[in-house]
Amino acid sequence: MTTLDTVYQDRLLDLAAEIARDGHAVPDPTATGSAYSRACGSRIEIAIVLDGDRIADYGQRVEACALGSAAASVVGAAIVGRSVAEVRQAAAEMAAMLTRDGPPPGGAFADLAALAPARGFTNRHGSMQLAFKALEKAFRSAGV
């Protein structure tokens, strides 16, 4: 059984306290997206600038629980310079980690491993995936 102390360890709380690119203004974004978790009220709004299939700039406004904030922090720190395919791969790996006991995402998104102990809290999966859901909306609105 997962305890709250196992989930809310120092690394996760550090990520949640300093959300990368939170409040970063993106002039002339290529696309925007938002996502909301009904389970806990967490929400995120993102803006991206695409250069071909790569993220050239990224900003986010995060109002989320510690789990959602930590995930958004990792995404914000890792995303600039990544391709749309890399982001979608990380989103798929995150979903597999949470729902099918898969390994954490790798590469630039490896810090999402801090959320692995929370996989048992299924009511918080949506919050932990908010950044990726908002990104997918932005990608689709940009036609990628």
C-alpha atoms as a PDB file:
ATOM      1  CA  MET A   1       0.000   0.000   0.000  1.00  0.00           C
ATOM      2  CA  THR A   2       1.255   3.451  -0.909  1.00  0.00           C
ATOM      3  CA  THR A   3       1.418   5.953   1.931  1.00  0.00           C
ATOM      4  CA  LEU A   4       1.190   9.709   1.606  1.00  0.00           C
ATOM      5  CA  ASP A   5       4.789   9.975   2.833  1.00  0.00           C
ATOM      6  CA  THR A   6       5.862   7.751  -0.065  1.00  0.00           C
ATOM      7  CA  VAL A   7       4.062   9.945  -2.582  1.00  0.00           C
ATOM      8  CA  TYR A   8       4.905  13.375  -1.206  1.00  0.00           C
ATOM      9  CA  GLN A   9       8.672  12.918  -0.927  1.00  0.00           C
ATOM     10  CA  ASP A  10      11.103  15.826  -1.044  1.00  0.00           C
ATOM     11  CA  ARG A  11      11.830  15.635  -4.791  1.00  0.00           C
ATOM     12  CA  LEU A  12       8.151  15.865  -5.710  1.00  0.00           C
ATOM     13  CA  LEU A  13       7.568  18.749  -3.312  1.00  0.00           C
ATOM     14  CA  ASP A  14      10.633  20.597  -4.642  1.00  0.00           C
ATOM     15  CA  LEU A  15       9.324  20.279  -8.198  1.00  0.00           C
ATOM     16  CA  ALA A  16       5.871  21.487  -7.144  1.00  0.00           C
ATOM     17  CA  ALA A  17       7.300  24.486  -5.285  1.00  0.00           C
ATOM     18  CA  GLU A  18       9.288  25.806  -8.260  1.00  0.00           C
ATOM     19  CA  ILE A  19       7.190  25.250 -11.371  1.00  0.00           C
ATOM     20  CA  ALA A  20       9.400  25.711 -14.414  1.00  0.00           C
ATOM     21  CA  ARG A  21       8.172  28.364 -16.865  1.00  0.00           C
ATOM     22  CA  ASP A  22       5.100  29.168 -14.734  1.00  0.00           C
ATOM     23  CA  GLY A  23       3.967  32.644 -15.699  1.00  0.00           C
ATOM     24  CA  HIS A  24       6.421  32.783 -18.617  1.00  0.00           C
ATOM     25  CA  ALA A  25       4.876  35.041 -21.253  1.00  0.00           C
ATOM     26  CA  VAL A  26       5.017  33.700 -24.793  1.00  0.00           C
ATOM     27  CA  PRO A  27       4.756  36.519 -27.320  1.00  0.00           C
ATOM     28  CA  ASP A  28       2.857  35.545 -30.457  1.00  0.00           C
ATOM     29  CA  PRO A  29       2.209  31.895 -29.583  1.00  0.00           C
ATOM     30  CA  THR A  30       1.636  29.425 -32.391  1.00  0.00           C
ATOM     31  CA  ALA A  31      -1.039  27.772 -30.273  1.00  0.00           C
ATOM     32  CA  THR A  32      -2.531  27.619 -26.803  1.00  0.00           C
ATOM     33  CA  GLY A  33      -4.265  24.917 -24.820  1.00  0.00           C
ATOM     34  CA  SER A  34      -5.796  24.345 -21.431  1.00  0.00           C
ATOM     35  CA  ALA A  35      -6.870  21.430 -19.292  1.00  0.00           C
ATOM     36  CA  TYR A  36      -8.852  21.008 -16.088  1.00  0.00           C
ATOM     37  CA  SER A  37      -9.181  18.173 -13.595  1.00  0.00           C
ATOM     38  CA  ARG A  38     -12.646  17.830 -12.126  1.00  0.00           C
ATOM     39  CA  ALA A  39     -11.313  15.515  -9.426  1.00  0.00           C
ATOM     40  CA  CYS A  40      -9.305  18.200  -7.647  1.00  0.00           C
ATOM     41  CA  GLY A  41      -9.894  21.478  -9.480  1.00  0.00           C
ATOM     42  CA  SER A  42      -6.380  21.645 -10.877  1.00  0.00           C
ATOM     43  CA  ARG A  43      -5.987  23.598 -14.102  1.00  0.00           C
ATOM     44  CA  ILE A  44      -3.305  24.603 -16.553  1.00  0.00           C
ATOM     45  CA  GLU A  45      -3.095  26.993 -19.482  1.00  0.00           C
ATOM     46  CA  ILE A  46      -0.166  26.713 -21.874  1.00  0.00           C
ATOM     47  CA  ALA A  47       1.176  28.625 -24.856  1.00  0.00           C
ATOM     48  CA  ILE A  48       3.714  27.334 -27.349  1.00  0.00           C
ATOM     49  CA  VAL A  49       5.763  28.584 -30.245  1.00  0.00           C
ATOM     50  CA  LEU A  50       6.531  25.929 -32.823  1.00  0.00           C
ATOM     51  CA  ASP A  51       9.506  26.025 -35.153  1.00  0.00           C
ATOM     52  CA  GLY A  52       8.600  23.287 -37.587  1.00  0.00           C
ATOM     53  CA  ASP A  53       7.885  20.298 -35.368  1.00  0.00           C
ATOM     54  CA  ARG A  54       9.927  21.562 -32.397  1.00  0.00           C
ATOM     55  CA  ILE A  55       8.830  23.600 -29.410  1.00  0.00           C
ATOM     56  CA  ALA A  56      10.778  26.864 -29.547  1.00  0.00           C
ATOM     57  CA  ASP A  57       9.077  28.543 -26.588  1.00  0.00           C
ATOM     58  CA  TYR A  58       6.684  27.454 -23.873  1.00  0.00           C
ATOM     59  CA  GLY A  59       4.834  29.171 -21.086  1.00  0.00           C
ATOM     60  CA  GLN A  60       2.311  27.925 -18.590  1.00  0.00           C
ATOM     61  CA  ARG A  61       0.011  29.141 -15.875  1.00  0.00           C
ATOM     62  CA  VAL A  62      -0.492  26.389 -13.330  1.00  0.00           C
ATOM     63  CA  GLU A  63      -3.059  26.251 -10.538  1.00  0.00           C
ATOM     64  CA  ALA A  64      -2.779  22.674  -9.381  1.00  0.00           C
ATOM     65  CA  CYS A  65      -2.282  20.307  -6.493  1.00  0.00           C
ATOM     66  CA  ALA A  66       1.263  19.210  -5.663  1.00  0.00           C
ATOM     67  CA  LEU A  67       1.066  16.267  -8.072  1.00  0.00           C
ATOM     68  CA  GLY A  68      -0.161  18.355 -10.996  1.00  0.00           C
ATOM     69  CA  SER A  69       2.301  21.134 -10.192  1.00  0.00           C
ATOM     70  CA  ALA A  70       5.240  18.723 -10.046  1.00  0.00           C
ATOM     71  CA  ALA A  71       4.311  17.180 -13.399  1.00  0.00           C
ATOM     72  CA  ALA A  72       3.882  20.624 -14.990  1.00  0.00           C
ATOM     73  CA  SER A  73       7.254  21.655 -13.588  1.00  0.00           C
ATOM     74  CA  VAL A  74       9.013  18.712 -15.214  1.00  0.00           C
ATOM     75  CA  VAL A  75       7.276  19.359 -18.532  1.00  0.00           C
ATOM     76  CA  GLY A  76       8.114  23.061 -18.376  1.00  0.00           C
ATOM     77  CA  ALA A  77      11.783  22.359 -17.685  1.00  0.00           C
ATOM     78  CA  ALA A  78      12.098  19.731 -20.427  1.00  0.00           C
ATOM     79  CA  ILE A  79       9.956  20.857 -23.318  1.00  0.00           C
ATOM     80  CA  VAL A  80      11.820  23.636 -25.139  1.00  0.00           C
ATOM     81  CA  GLY A  81      13.755  22.120 -28.030  1.00  0.00           C
ATOM     82  CA  ARG A  82      11.756  18.876 -28.026  1.00  0.00           C
ATOM     83  CA  SER A  83       9.801  17.681 -31.036  1.00  0.00           C
ATOM     84  CA  VAL A  84       6.062  17.163 -31.003  1.00  0.00           C
ATOM     85  CA  ALA A  85       6.740  13.416 -31.371  1.00  0.00           C
ATOM     86  CA  GLU A  86       9.009  13.423 -28.296  1.00  0.00           C
ATOM     87  CA  VAL A  87       6.331  15.179 -26.247  1.00  0.00           C
ATOM     88  CA  ARG A  88       3.659  12.741 -27.398  1.00  0.00           C
ATOM     89  CA  GLN A  89       5.986   9.839 -26.566  1.00  0.00           C
ATOM     90  CA  ALA A  90       6.541  11.192 -23.058  1.00  0.00           C
ATOM     91  CA  ALA A  91       2.771  11.621 -22.624  1.00  0.00           C
ATOM     92  CA  ALA A  92       2.190   8.006 -23.657  1.00  0.00           C
ATOM     93  CA  GLU A  93       4.941   6.804 -21.315  1.00  0.00           C
ATOM     94  CA  MET A  94       3.445   8.858 -18.470  1.00  0.00           C
ATOM     95  CA  ALA A  95       0.015   7.332 -19.068  1.00  0.00           C
ATOM     96  CA  ALA A  96       1.539   3.833 -19.134  1.00  0.00           C
ATOM     97  CA  MET A  97       3.459   4.538 -15.919  1.00  0.00           C
ATOM     98  CA  LEU A  98       0.271   5.586 -14.174  1.00  0.00           C
ATOM     99  CA  THR A  99      -2.199   3.056 -15.548  1.00  0.00           C
ATOM    100  CA  ARG A 100      -0.202  -0.023 -16.503  1.00  0.00           C
ATOM    101  CA  ASP A 101       2.702   0.082 -14.041  1.00  0.00           C
ATOM    102  CA  GLY A 102       5.055   0.923 -16.914  1.00  0.00           C
ATOM    103  CA  PRO A 103       8.451   2.515 -16.458  1.00  0.00           C
ATOM    104  CA  PRO A 104       8.686   6.288 -16.064  1.00  0.00           C
ATOM    105  CA  PRO A 105       9.285   8.420 -19.136  1.00  0.00           C
ATOM    106  CA  GLY A 106      12.907   8.668 -20.123  1.00  0.00           C
ATOM    107  CA  GLY A 107      15.195  11.274 -21.590  1.00  0.00           C
ATOM    108  CA  ALA A 108      14.376  14.892 -20.897  1.00  0.00           C
ATOM    109  CA  PHE A 109      11.187  13.884 -19.085  1.00  0.00           C
ATOM    110  CA  ALA A 110      12.867  11.387 -16.703  1.00  0.00           C
ATOM    111  CA  ASP A 111      12.064  13.524 -13.646  1.00  0.00           C
ATOM    112  CA  LEU A 112       8.427  12.456 -14.048  1.00  0.00           C
ATOM    113  CA  ALA A 113       9.612   9.355 -12.172  1.00  0.00           C
ATOM    114  CA  ALA A 114       9.002  11.387  -8.995  1.00  0.00           C
ATOM    115  CA  LEU A 115       5.290  10.796  -9.652  1.00  0.00           C
ATOM    116  CA  ALA A 116       5.526   6.998  -9.909  1.00  0.00           C
ATOM    117  CA  PRO A 117       4.624   6.452  -6.242  1.00  0.00           C
ATOM    118  CA  ALA A 118       1.297   8.232  -6.902  1.00  0.00           C
ATOM    119  CA  ARG A 119       0.120   5.741  -9.527  1.00  0.00           C
ATOM    120  CA  GLY A 120      -2.202   4.177  -6.952  1.00  0.00           C
ATOM    121  CA  PHE A 121      -4.105   7.448  -6.579  1.00  0.00           C
ATOM    122  CA  THR A 122      -6.189   6.991  -9.718  1.00  0.00           C
ATOM    123  CA  ASN A 123      -8.344  10.018  -8.888  1.00  0.00           C
ATOM    124  CA  ARG A 124      -5.205  12.171  -9.367  1.00  0.00           C
ATOM    125  CA  HIS A 125      -4.065  10.743 -12.712  1.00  0.00           C
ATOM    126  CA  GLY A 126      -5.857  13.529 -14.553  1.00  0.00           C
ATOM    127  CA  SER A 127      -4.036  16.204 -12.576  1.00  0.00           C
ATOM    128  CA  MET A 128      -0.668  14.597 -13.244  1.00  0.00           C
ATOM    129  CA  GLN A 129      -1.387  14.578 -16.992  1.00  0.00           C
ATOM    130  CA  LEU A 130      -2.760  18.124 -17.337  1.00  0.00           C
ATOM    131  CA  ALA A 131       0.292  19.586 -19.068  1.00  0.00           C
ATOM    132  CA  PHE A 132       0.284  16.843 -21.682  1.00  0.00           C
ATOM    133  CA  LYS A 133      -3.466  17.190 -22.246  1.00  0.00           C
ATOM    134  CA  ALA A 134      -3.143  20.953 -22.750  1.00  0.00           C
ATOM    135  CA  LEU A 135      -0.195  20.407 -25.077  1.00  0.00           C
ATOM    136  CA  GLU A 136      -2.144  17.938 -27.188  1.00  0.00           C
ATOM    137  CA  LYS A 137      -4.936  20.501 -27.565  1.00  0.00           C
ATOM    138  CA  ALA A 138      -2.379  23.103 -28.658  1.00  0.00           C
ATOM    139  CA  PHE A 139      -0.746  20.694 -31.098  1.00  0.00           C
ATOM    140  CA  ARG A 140      -4.097  19.854 -32.673  1.00  0.00           C
ATOM    141  CA  SER A 141      -5.090  23.496 -32.968  1.00  0.00           C
ATOM    142  CA  ALA A 142      -1.747  24.113 -34.713  1.00  0.00           C
ATOM    143  CA  GLY A 143      -2.401  21.219 -37.079  1.00  0.00           C
ATOM    144  CA  VAL A 144       0.448  18.988 -35.887  1.00  0.00           C
END
